[in-house]
Amino acid sequence: MKRIRILFFVALAVVAACSSPRNAGNPEAGRSGYMTQELQVIGGWGSSLCWWAAQVGKWDEAAVNCLLTAITSPDALNMHIFRYNIGGGDNPLHIDGHMLDGKGKRAEMDGFKASENASYNWTADAGQRRIMLKIKELRPDAVFEAFSNSPPYWMTWSGCAAGNADPAKDNLKPEYYDAFCDYLVDVCKYYKDTFGIEFKTLEPFNEATSSYWYANGSQEGCHFEPQTQMEIIRRLHPKLRAAGLKTVIAASDETNLASFLNVCNAYIEAGDIMDKIGQLNVHTYSGTDDERSVVRNLVQKLGKPFWQSETGPQGRANSPFHSNLLLAAKQFADLRIMQAPVWLDWQLVEENNDTWCLFRGKFATGDYHINKNFYVRMQITRFFKAGYALLETGNPNLLAARSPDKKSLVIAALNTGGDATIFDIDMRSYKSFTANKAFRTSQTENCQEITPPTIAGASMSVESPALSLTTIIMNIKQR
């Protein structure tokens, strides 16, 4: 067992105090217990509804209620932010074809307009709609974003909602730019007028500068060059306002941090785009900590709301559980370094793997079970609550947040390695503190309550077994 001695002054920015120019000449800057640094306030946790909700929405009422309660309950996953996919809908001749051969039936999302001159079919996409309405019932505080993976197939160059024949080229025909914007706005307005759901944001793109959306591919996808994205934004913005919606544009949901920075800088250089965007979104399927720092600084400079709107497991791992512990490490970095207030999953329910989901089941029958990843995520989303302020810890394996009344503190300790570790946490920045409860997910535990850590003087020792995530809930009193 290795022991890590961490001068972890919770809410104390020791590193920042020593390096930030604003502390020059401050005699207290390098001392413990005097400077505090709050990071962002947590906005909440959630997931895309695409693709799983379209399938789960076909289940019987009992199964839907049970699953969604586990997702939304404050005592479980405590998720309340969800992204509704406005499906484009593929060529009817392709149904049960290339997408079914790729990502399965779940990837064939319904569209609302079968052709340019067709009327809207508001009975389409009943499964995803049912799940969104049920979430709203269970969580009246739910926040929803609408997003598009592809325009309807009849607007595209390839005649296929999976992408262009050349995946590096735009697939939306220029003559349909306005029609695409109208389609998105009409769907948003329908949900407000019919169900009282007003989307907070509308994202017209998804990983748009990526070059892996190709005709007859495995899912809806559409390449948009940055210049095309900006033209869409210029047309979409006034249409949203004219529709009387409070919904604002989010962009641009690039697949990684480098692509996000490239597109965001193109928006800035254009000069007329940022004032039309209400929120910045990024996916963190890949990215370095240096890029996270650059993204953080850019977002803070722009002063826009910011979401990490989609990510998932990646990299080498020994098991689905190990993979999701590594995802937790990425989550820690996205929260601590990039300072994303909102952090969202991609898939919650899967059928054919245990890695990219928190529940595994059979879409055709409604049978499912909770897997280990559920408990990994719950170690954070249940205890790090919306409204809590994240605190700098100075350690990539520790996450901390303080309640709005500054009376409660939550700390998570992550061990993705094969050896047990003890974190010695220095708590001198607090006048008094007690560890009330602790929970751990490990190879043998599932968010199981354990004996709170040992406290000796101003230090707290947190035992962290190999491959584990431990969360401690504390009462604190500020100095």
Protein backbone atom coordinates (compact mmCIF):
# COMPACT_ATOMS: atom_id res chain seq x y z
CA MET A 1 0.00 0.00 0.00
CA LYS A 2 1.31 3.42 -0.89
CA ARG A 3 0.62 6.44 1.24
CA ILE A 4 0.13 9.87 -0.27
CA ARG A 5 0.63 12.87 1.92
CA ILE A 6 -1.47 15.65 0.47
CA LEU A 7 -1.38 19.21 1.71
CA PHE A 8 -4.95 19.46 0.59
CA PHE A 9 -6.36 22.64 2.07
CA VAL A 10 -9.93 22.18 0.99
CA ALA A 11 -11.08 25.52 -0.42
CA LEU A 12 -7.48 26.75 -0.18
CA ALA A 13 -5.74 27.55 -3.45
CA VAL A 14 -2.16 26.87 -2.42
CA VAL A 15 -0.90 26.44 -5.98
CA ALA A 16 -2.80 29.45 -7.25
CA ALA A 17 -1.64 31.55 -4.33
CA CYS A 18 1.98 30.84 -5.15
CA SER A 19 1.67 31.42 -8.88
CA SER A 20 -1.01 34.03 -9.47
CA PRO A 21 0.32 37.57 -10.00
CA ARG A 22 -2.59 39.04 -8.04
CA ASN A 23 -1.06 37.59 -4.86
CA ALA A 24 2.25 39.34 -5.29
CA GLY A 25 3.15 41.16 -2.12
CA ASN A 26 0.46 39.45 -0.08
CA PRO A 27 2.20 38.18 3.09
CA GLU A 28 -0.55 35.59 3.67
CA ALA A 29 -0.59 34.22 0.11
CA GLY A 30 1.56 31.15 0.73
CA ARG A 31 0.17 30.26 4.16
CA SER A 32 -2.50 27.70 4.88
CA GLY A 33 -5.96 28.63 5.99
CA TYR A 34 -6.08 32.20 4.77
CA MET A 35 -6.88 32.16 1.04
CA THR A 36 -9.84 30.32 -0.40
CA GLN A 37 -10.53 29.53 -4.03
CA GLU A 38 -13.92 28.46 -5.20
CA LEU A 39 -14.12 27.19 -8.75
CA GLN A 40 -17.42 26.94 -10.63
CA VAL A 41 -20.81 26.30 -9.08
CA ILE A 42 -22.15 22.90 -10.11
CA GLY A 43 -25.03 23.20 -12.55
CA GLY A 44 -25.95 19.53 -12.55
CA TRP A 45 -25.63 16.15 -14.19
CA GLY A 46 -27.45 14.36 -16.97
CA SER A 47 -27.34 12.63 -20.32
CA SER A 48 -28.35 12.64 -23.93
CA LEU A 49 -31.69 10.97 -24.60
CA CYS A 50 -30.44 9.81 -27.99
CA TRP A 51 -30.52 6.88 -28.63
CA TRP A 52 -31.64 4.96 -25.60
CA ALA A 53 -34.81 6.90 -24.79
CA ALA A 54 -36.42 6.13 -28.15
CA GLN A 55 -36.21 2.44 -27.26
CA VAL A 56 -36.91 2.60 -23.52
CA GLY A 57 -39.97 4.72 -24.29
CA LYS A 58 -41.60 1.58 -25.70
CA TRP A 59 -41.41 -0.28 -22.38
CA ASP A 60 -44.31 -0.81 -20.02
CA GLU A 61 -45.09 1.81 -17.41
CA ALA A 62 -43.59 -0.06 -14.46
CA ALA A 63 -40.24 -0.57 -16.17
CA VAL A 64 -40.09 3.05 -17.36
CA ASN A 65 -40.93 4.38 -13.91
CA CYS A 66 -38.36 2.18 -12.21
CA LEU A 67 -35.57 3.11 -14.61
CA LEU A 68 -36.28 6.84 -14.65
CA THR A 69 -36.61 6.98 -10.88
CA ALA A 70 -33.10 5.54 -10.60
CA ILE A 71 -31.86 8.15 -13.07
CA THR A 72 -33.56 11.22 -11.61
CA SER A 73 -33.94 10.54 -7.88
CA PRO A 74 -31.72 12.70 -5.62
CA ASP A 75 -30.94 9.49 -3.72
CA ALA A 76 -29.68 7.74 -6.87
CA LEU A 77 -28.13 9.30 -9.99
CA ASN A 78 -29.70 12.69 -9.29
CA MET A 79 -29.71 13.71 -12.97
CA HIS A 80 -31.89 16.57 -14.18
CA ILE A 81 -30.29 17.83 -17.43
CA PHE A 82 -31.15 16.01 -20.64
CA ARG A 83 -30.55 16.49 -24.36
CA TYR A 84 -33.44 15.70 -26.69
CA ASN A 85 -32.43 14.62 -30.19
CA ILE A 86 -34.43 16.21 -33.01
CA GLY A 87 -34.12 13.36 -35.44
CA GLY A 88 -33.61 14.09 -39.12
CA GLY A 89 -35.08 10.83 -40.28
CA ASP A 90 -33.41 8.84 -43.02
CA ASN A 91 -34.59 7.82 -46.47
CA PRO A 92 -37.38 5.24 -45.95
CA LEU A 93 -35.52 2.93 -48.33
CA HIS A 94 -32.66 2.84 -45.80
CA ILE A 95 -34.75 1.85 -42.78
CA ASP A 96 -33.58 -1.43 -41.27
CA GLY A 97 -30.49 -1.11 -43.43
CA HIS A 98 -27.12 0.54 -42.87
CA MET A 99 -27.81 2.01 -39.42
CA LEU A 100 -29.28 -1.28 -38.26
CA ASP A 101 -26.12 -2.99 -39.47
CA GLY A 102 -24.00 -0.42 -37.61
CA LYS A 103 -25.32 0.83 -34.29
CA GLY A 104 -28.58 -1.09 -34.35
CA LYS A 105 -32.25 -0.15 -34.40
CA ARG A 106 -31.67 2.36 -31.62
CA ALA A 107 -29.72 4.60 -34.05
CA GLU A 108 -32.63 4.95 -36.47
CA MET A 109 -34.18 8.14 -35.12
CA ASP A 110 -37.55 9.31 -36.41
CA GLY A 111 -37.85 12.58 -38.28
CA PHE A 112 -40.95 14.78 -38.22
CA LYS A 113 -41.09 15.68 -41.93
CA ALA A 114 -40.90 12.97 -44.59
CA SER A 115 -40.32 15.31 -47.55
CA GLU A 116 -40.04 18.96 -48.43
CA ASN A 117 -43.77 19.34 -49.04
CA ALA A 118 -45.01 16.88 -46.41
CA SER A 119 -46.90 17.99 -43.32
CA TYR A 120 -45.33 17.55 -39.92
CA ASN A 121 -45.98 14.16 -38.35
CA TRP A 122 -46.10 14.96 -34.66
CA THR A 123 -46.84 11.33 -33.76
CA ALA A 124 -43.25 10.45 -34.72
CA ASP A 125 -40.58 9.79 -32.09
CA ALA A 126 -43.13 8.71 -29.50
CA GLY A 127 -40.59 6.79 -27.38
CA GLN A 128 -38.12 9.60 -26.81
CA ARG A 129 -40.97 12.06 -26.23
CA ARG A 130 -42.54 9.78 -23.63
CA ILE A 131 -39.26 9.59 -21.71
CA MET A 132 -38.74 13.36 -21.81
CA LEU A 133 -42.26 14.03 -20.53
CA LYS A 134 -41.86 11.44 -17.77
CA ILE A 135 -38.56 13.02 -16.70
CA LYS A 136 -40.30 16.40 -16.52
CA GLU A 137 -42.95 14.81 -14.28
CA LEU A 138 -40.37 13.25 -11.97
CA ARG A 139 -38.06 16.28 -11.95
CA PRO A 140 -40.00 19.55 -12.34
CA ASP A 141 -36.60 21.29 -12.26
CA ALA A 142 -35.44 19.38 -15.35
CA VAL A 143 -33.48 21.31 -17.98
CA PHE A 144 -33.70 20.22 -21.61
CA GLU A 145 -31.59 20.96 -24.66
CA ALA A 146 -32.62 20.11 -28.21
CA PHE A 147 -29.90 19.00 -30.61
CA SER A 148 -29.55 17.71 -34.16
CA ASN A 149 -27.28 15.01 -35.51
CA SER A 150 -28.41 15.51 -39.12
CA PRO A 151 -30.95 17.40 -41.18
CA PRO A 152 -33.70 15.32 -42.82
CA TYR A 153 -32.32 13.15 -45.61
CA TRP A 154 -34.13 15.13 -48.32
CA MET A 155 -32.12 18.24 -47.46
CA THR A 156 -28.78 16.52 -47.99
CA TRP A 157 -26.38 16.10 -50.89
CA SER A 158 -26.17 12.32 -50.41
CA GLY A 159 -29.86 11.71 -49.81
CA CYS A 160 -28.80 9.97 -46.59
CA ALA A 161 -28.97 11.25 -43.02
CA ALA A 162 -25.76 9.41 -42.11
CA GLY A 163 -23.53 11.86 -43.97
CA ASN A 164 -22.01 12.83 -47.29
CA ALA A 165 -20.35 10.37 -49.65
CA ASP A 166 -17.20 12.32 -48.79
CA PRO A 167 -17.30 12.56 -44.97
CA ALA A 168 -15.04 15.63 -45.06
CA LYS A 169 -17.64 17.65 -46.95
CA ASP A 170 -20.86 19.34 -45.85
CA ASN A 171 -23.99 17.28 -46.40
CA LEU A 172 -26.65 20.00 -46.09
CA LYS A 173 -27.46 21.60 -49.43
CA PRO A 174 -27.20 25.43 -49.32
CA GLU A 175 -30.72 25.84 -50.70
CA TYR A 176 -32.02 24.13 -47.55
CA TYR A 177 -30.20 26.24 -44.95
CA ASP A 178 -33.38 28.16 -44.10
CA ALA A 179 -35.56 25.05 -44.26
CA PHE A 180 -33.25 23.28 -41.80
CA CYS A 181 -33.42 26.20 -39.38
CA ASP A 182 -37.22 26.30 -39.75
CA TYR A 183 -37.40 22.57 -39.04
CA LEU A 184 -35.47 22.91 -35.79
CA VAL A 185 -37.45 25.94 -34.64
CA ASP A 186 -40.78 24.34 -35.51
CA VAL A 187 -39.97 21.30 -33.37
CA CYS A 188 -38.93 23.50 -30.45
CA LYS A 189 -42.10 25.56 -30.74
CA TYR A 190 -44.26 22.44 -30.95
CA TYR A 191 -42.90 21.14 -27.66
CA LYS A 192 -43.44 24.47 -25.94
CA ASP A 193 -46.97 24.97 -27.26
CA THR A 194 -48.11 21.37 -26.82
CA PHE A 195 -46.32 20.15 -23.70
CA GLY A 196 -45.02 23.28 -21.99
CA ILE A 197 -41.40 22.24 -22.49
CA GLU A 198 -39.26 25.15 -23.59
CA PHE A 199 -35.79 23.99 -24.45
CA LYS A 200 -33.09 26.01 -22.73
CA THR A 201 -30.84 25.66 -25.74
CA LEU A 202 -30.91 24.48 -29.34
CA GLU A 203 -27.77 22.89 -30.77
CA PRO A 204 -27.94 22.61 -34.59
CA PHE A 205 -24.67 20.65 -34.91
CA ASN A 206 -23.05 17.54 -33.48
CA GLU A 207 -19.30 16.89 -33.82
CA ALA A 208 -19.70 18.82 -37.05
CA THR A 209 -16.10 19.24 -38.19
CA SER A 210 -15.39 15.53 -37.73
CA SER A 211 -14.85 13.50 -40.88
CA TYR A 212 -16.49 10.25 -39.91
CA TRP A 213 -20.09 10.96 -40.91
CA TYR A 214 -20.48 9.15 -44.21
CA ALA A 215 -23.35 8.06 -46.44
CA ASN A 216 -24.80 4.67 -45.49
CA GLY A 217 -22.98 4.90 -42.18
CA SER A 218 -23.95 3.67 -38.73
CA GLN A 219 -25.91 6.66 -37.38
CA GLU A 220 -27.20 10.11 -38.25
CA GLY A 221 -24.37 12.56 -38.77
CA CYS A 222 -23.54 15.66 -40.78
CA HIS A 223 -20.31 17.50 -41.50
CA PHE A 224 -20.48 21.30 -41.27
CA GLU A 225 -17.44 23.40 -42.04
CA PRO A 226 -16.98 26.32 -39.58
CA GLN A 227 -18.07 28.80 -42.26
CA THR A 228 -21.25 26.81 -42.86
CA GLN A 229 -21.93 26.60 -39.13
CA MET A 230 -21.72 30.36 -38.92
CA GLU A 231 -24.12 30.81 -41.82
CA ILE A 232 -26.62 28.50 -40.10
CA ILE A 233 -26.25 30.44 -36.84
CA ARG A 234 -26.85 33.75 -38.64
CA ARG A 235 -30.11 32.40 -40.05
CA LEU A 236 -31.25 30.43 -37.00
CA HIS A 237 -30.87 33.23 -34.46
CA PRO A 238 -33.56 35.59 -35.85
CA LYS A 239 -35.91 32.67 -36.49
CA LEU A 240 -35.77 31.68 -32.81
CA ARG A 241 -36.52 35.23 -31.76
CA ALA A 242 -39.37 35.57 -34.26
CA ALA A 243 -40.92 32.35 -32.90
CA GLY A 244 -41.21 33.94 -29.46
CA LEU A 245 -38.96 31.33 -27.85
CA LYS A 246 -36.53 32.02 -25.04
CA THR A 247 -34.42 29.13 -26.38
CA VAL A 248 -30.87 30.19 -27.26
CA ILE A 249 -28.33 28.66 -29.63
CA ALA A 250 -25.66 26.33 -28.24
CA ALA A 251 -22.57 25.43 -30.27
CA SER A 252 -20.73 23.59 -31.44
CA ASP A 253 -20.45 20.21 -29.68
CA GLU A 254 -17.17 19.24 -31.31
CA THR A 255 -15.92 15.77 -30.53
CA ASN A 256 -12.75 16.95 -28.78
CA LEU A 257 -11.14 19.99 -27.24
CA ALA A 258 -8.81 20.78 -30.12
CA SER A 259 -11.72 20.91 -32.59
CA PHE A 260 -13.76 23.03 -30.19
CA LEU A 261 -10.94 25.56 -29.92
CA ASN A 262 -10.54 25.73 -33.70
CA VAL A 263 -14.25 26.34 -34.28
CA CYS A 264 -14.65 28.72 -31.36
CA ASN A 265 -11.74 30.84 -32.57
CA ALA A 266 -13.31 30.93 -36.05
CA TYR A 267 -16.53 32.22 -34.46
CA ILE A 268 -14.59 34.91 -32.63
CA GLU A 269 -12.67 35.96 -35.72
CA ALA A 270 -15.92 36.34 -37.69
CA GLY A 271 -16.99 39.05 -35.28
CA ASP A 272 -20.77 38.60 -35.54
CA ILE A 273 -21.31 35.09 -34.21
CA MET A 274 -20.66 35.08 -30.48
CA ASP A 275 -23.45 37.54 -29.75
CA LYS A 276 -25.85 35.07 -31.40
CA ILE A 277 -24.71 32.12 -29.25
CA GLY A 278 -26.14 31.69 -25.77
CA GLN A 279 -24.08 28.69 -24.66
CA LEU A 280 -20.87 26.89 -25.53
CA ASN A 281 -20.86 23.08 -25.67
CA VAL A 282 -17.99 20.63 -26.05
CA HIS A 283 -17.48 16.86 -25.99
CA THR A 284 -14.42 15.50 -24.22
CA TYR A 285 -13.84 12.23 -26.01
CA SER A 286 -10.25 13.39 -26.23
CA GLY A 287 -8.22 16.33 -24.99
CA THR A 288 -5.20 17.14 -22.86
CA ASP A 289 -5.13 18.97 -19.56
CA ASP A 290 -3.31 21.83 -21.29
CA GLU A 291 -6.22 22.06 -23.73
CA ARG A 292 -8.65 22.00 -20.82
CA SER A 293 -6.87 25.02 -19.39
CA VAL A 294 -7.04 26.86 -22.71
CA VAL A 295 -10.76 26.04 -23.06
CA ARG A 296 -11.42 27.25 -19.50
CA ASN A 297 -9.64 30.55 -20.09
CA LEU A 298 -11.41 31.12 -23.40
CA VAL A 299 -14.86 30.32 -22.00
CA GLN A 300 -14.29 32.56 -19.00
CA LYS A 301 -13.17 35.39 -21.28
CA LEU A 302 -16.30 35.00 -23.41
CA GLY A 303 -18.54 34.84 -20.35
CA LYS A 304 -20.90 32.24 -21.84
CA PRO A 305 -22.67 29.37 -20.07
CA PHE A 306 -20.69 26.20 -20.71
CA TRP A 307 -21.51 22.48 -20.82
CA GLN A 308 -19.47 19.35 -21.22
CA SER A 309 -22.36 17.98 -23.19
CA GLU A 310 -21.24 14.47 -24.13
CA THR A 311 -18.49 12.00 -23.36
CA GLY A 312 -17.85 8.37 -22.58
CA PRO A 313 -15.25 5.74 -21.69
CA GLN A 314 -12.08 5.42 -23.69
CA GLY A 315 -8.52 4.20 -23.49
CA ARG A 316 -7.13 0.89 -22.36
CA ALA A 317 -8.80 -0.74 -19.41
CA ASN A 318 -8.94 -4.17 -17.84
CA SER A 319 -12.72 -4.23 -17.52
CA PRO A 320 -15.84 -2.09 -18.03
CA PHE A 321 -15.55 -1.09 -14.37
CA HIS A 322 -11.94 -0.03 -14.79
CA SER A 323 -12.90 1.86 -17.95
CA ASN A 324 -15.51 3.83 -16.05
CA LEU A 325 -13.10 4.63 -13.24
CA LEU A 326 -10.87 6.09 -15.95
CA LEU A 327 -13.91 8.02 -17.16
CA ALA A 328 -14.28 9.34 -13.60
CA ALA A 329 -10.69 10.57 -13.84
CA LYS A 330 -11.64 12.44 -17.01
CA GLN A 331 -14.70 13.79 -15.22
CA PHE A 332 -12.47 15.10 -12.43
CA ALA A 333 -10.26 16.85 -14.99
CA ASP A 334 -13.24 18.31 -16.86
CA LEU A 335 -14.56 19.70 -13.58
CA ARG A 336 -11.35 20.83 -11.91
CA ILE A 337 -9.27 22.04 -14.85
CA MET A 338 -11.79 22.91 -17.56
CA GLN A 339 -14.29 24.01 -14.89
CA ALA A 340 -17.38 22.81 -16.75
CA PRO A 341 -20.41 23.50 -14.51
CA VAL A 342 -22.50 20.83 -16.31
CA TRP A 343 -21.21 17.34 -17.13
CA LEU A 344 -23.29 14.95 -19.21
CA ASP A 345 -23.12 11.30 -20.25
CA TRP A 346 -23.77 10.00 -23.76
CA GLN A 347 -25.63 6.69 -23.25
CA LEU A 348 -27.39 5.51 -20.10
CA VAL A 349 -28.87 2.26 -21.42
CA GLU A 350 -27.16 -0.19 -23.76
CA GLU A 351 -27.95 -3.64 -25.07
CA ASN A 352 -24.72 -5.20 -26.26
CA ASN A 353 -21.98 -3.98 -23.91
CA ASP A 354 -21.29 -3.17 -20.26
CA THR A 355 -18.93 -0.26 -20.88
CA TRP A 356 -20.97 2.49 -22.54
CA CYS A 357 -23.93 2.45 -20.19
CA LEU A 358 -25.14 2.58 -16.61
CA PHE A 359 -27.92 0.06 -17.27
CA ARG A 360 -27.77 -2.94 -19.58
CA GLY A 361 -30.93 -4.50 -20.90
CA LYS A 362 -32.98 -5.76 -23.78
CA PHE A 363 -34.79 -3.01 -25.65
CA ALA A 364 -37.36 -5.43 -27.04
CA THR A 365 -38.45 -6.80 -23.65
CA GLY A 366 -37.79 -4.05 -21.11
CA ASP A 367 -35.60 -6.30 -19.00
CA TYR A 368 -32.51 -4.57 -17.62
CA HIS A 369 -30.06 -4.53 -14.75
CA ILE A 370 -27.90 -1.87 -13.11
CA ASN A 371 -24.19 -2.33 -13.74
CA LYS A 372 -21.08 -1.18 -11.87
CA ASN A 373 -20.82 2.02 -13.88
CA PHE A 374 -24.06 3.22 -12.29
CA TYR A 375 -22.41 3.24 -8.88
CA VAL A 376 -19.23 4.88 -10.16
CA ARG A 377 -21.28 7.77 -11.52
CA MET A 378 -23.52 7.94 -8.45
CA GLN A 379 -20.49 8.44 -6.21
CA ILE A 380 -20.31 11.91 -7.77
CA THR A 381 -23.76 12.85 -9.04
CA ARG A 382 -25.63 11.93 -5.86
CA PHE A 383 -23.38 13.79 -3.45
CA PHE A 384 -21.95 16.68 -5.49
CA LYS A 385 -25.21 18.58 -5.81
CA ALA A 386 -26.29 21.39 -8.08
CA GLY A 387 -25.53 24.66 -6.30
CA TYR A 388 -22.44 23.32 -4.54
CA ALA A 389 -19.21 25.18 -5.30
CA LEU A 390 -16.33 23.06 -6.49
CA LEU A 391 -13.06 23.72 -4.69
CA GLU A 392 -9.49 23.48 -5.86
CA THR A 393 -7.75 20.44 -4.41
CA GLY A 394 -4.36 20.54 -6.09
CA ASN A 395 -4.62 16.81 -6.80
CA PRO A 396 -6.05 15.12 -9.92
CA ASN A 397 -7.49 12.25 -7.86
CA LEU A 398 -9.42 14.39 -5.42
CA LEU A 399 -12.62 16.30 -6.03
CA ALA A 400 -14.21 18.59 -3.44
CA ALA A 401 -17.27 20.82 -3.20
CA ARG A 402 -18.90 22.93 -0.52
CA SER A 403 -22.61 23.50 0.06
CA PRO A 404 -24.09 26.98 -0.47
CA ASP A 405 -24.44 27.53 3.30
CA LYS A 406 -20.78 26.54 3.75
CA LYS A 407 -21.70 24.01 6.42
CA SER A 408 -21.22 20.83 4.40
CA LEU A 409 -18.25 19.53 2.46
CA VAL A 410 -18.05 16.55 0.12
CA ILE A 411 -14.76 14.98 -0.95
CA ALA A 412 -14.21 12.19 -3.49
CA ALA A 413 -11.00 10.16 -3.66
CA LEU A 414 -10.30 8.18 -6.83
CA ASN A 415 -7.88 5.28 -7.25
CA THR A 416 -7.62 3.88 -10.78
CA GLY A 417 -4.50 1.87 -10.00
CA GLY A 418 -3.84 -1.67 -8.89
CA ASP A 419 -2.47 -0.82 -5.42
CA ALA A 420 -4.26 0.48 -2.36
CA THR A 421 -3.56 4.08 -1.36
CA ILE A 422 -4.10 6.23 1.70
CA PHE A 423 -4.76 9.93 1.15
CA ASP A 424 -3.72 12.05 4.14
CA ILE A 425 -5.82 15.19 3.75
CA ASP A 426 -4.84 18.35 5.61
CA MET A 427 -7.97 20.12 6.89
CA ARG A 428 -6.38 23.07 8.71
CA SER A 429 -8.34 25.59 6.69
CA TYR A 430 -11.43 24.76 8.76
CA LYS A 431 -12.15 25.73 12.34
CA SER A 432 -13.82 22.39 12.94
CA PHE A 433 -14.84 19.39 10.84
CA THR A 434 -16.36 15.95 11.23
CA ALA A 435 -16.70 13.12 8.76
CA ASN A 436 -20.31 12.01 9.03
CA LYS A 437 -20.71 9.44 6.30
CA ALA A 438 -18.66 7.75 3.62
CA PHE A 439 -19.55 5.64 0.60
CA ARG A 440 -17.38 3.55 -1.67
CA THR A 441 -17.59 1.75 -4.98
CA SER A 442 -14.89 -0.84 -5.55
CA GLN A 443 -14.54 -4.27 -7.09
CA THR A 444 -16.67 -5.65 -4.23
CA GLU A 445 -18.77 -2.61 -3.18
CA ASN A 446 -21.55 -0.67 -4.89
CA CYS A 447 -21.78 2.83 -3.39
CA GLN A 448 -21.77 1.02 -0.08
CA GLU A 449 -21.75 2.99 3.15
CA ILE A 450 -18.50 2.46 5.03
CA THR A 451 -16.95 3.67 8.26
CA PRO A 452 -16.00 7.35 7.90
CA PRO A 453 -12.27 8.09 7.56
CA THR A 454 -9.99 8.46 10.55
CA ILE A 455 -9.32 11.99 11.77
CA ALA A 456 -6.22 12.82 13.76
CA GLY A 457 -5.75 16.43 14.69
CA ALA A 458 -6.07 18.50 11.52
CA SER A 459 -5.56 15.55 9.18
CA MET A 460 -8.02 13.06 7.72
CA SER A 461 -6.83 9.71 6.33
CA VAL A 462 -8.89 8.28 3.48
CA GLU A 463 -8.26 4.63 2.65
CA SER A 464 -8.57 4.06 -1.08
CA PRO A 465 -8.45 0.40 -2.17
CA ALA A 466 -7.23 -0.53 -5.62
CA LEU A 467 -9.77 0.39 -8.30
CA SER A 468 -12.15 2.37 -6.13
CA LEU A 469 -13.97 5.66 -5.72
CA THR A 470 -14.71 6.90 -2.19
CA THR A 471 -16.96 9.82 -1.24
CA ILE A 472 -16.95 11.47 2.20
CA ILE A 473 -19.68 13.80 3.50
CA MET A 474 -18.55 16.21 6.22
CA ASN A 475 -19.83 18.92 8.51
CA ILE A 476 -17.52 21.93 8.57
CA LYS A 477 -17.20 25.28 10.26
CA GLN A 478 -15.32 28.06 8.54
CA ARG A 479 -12.53 29.92 10.29
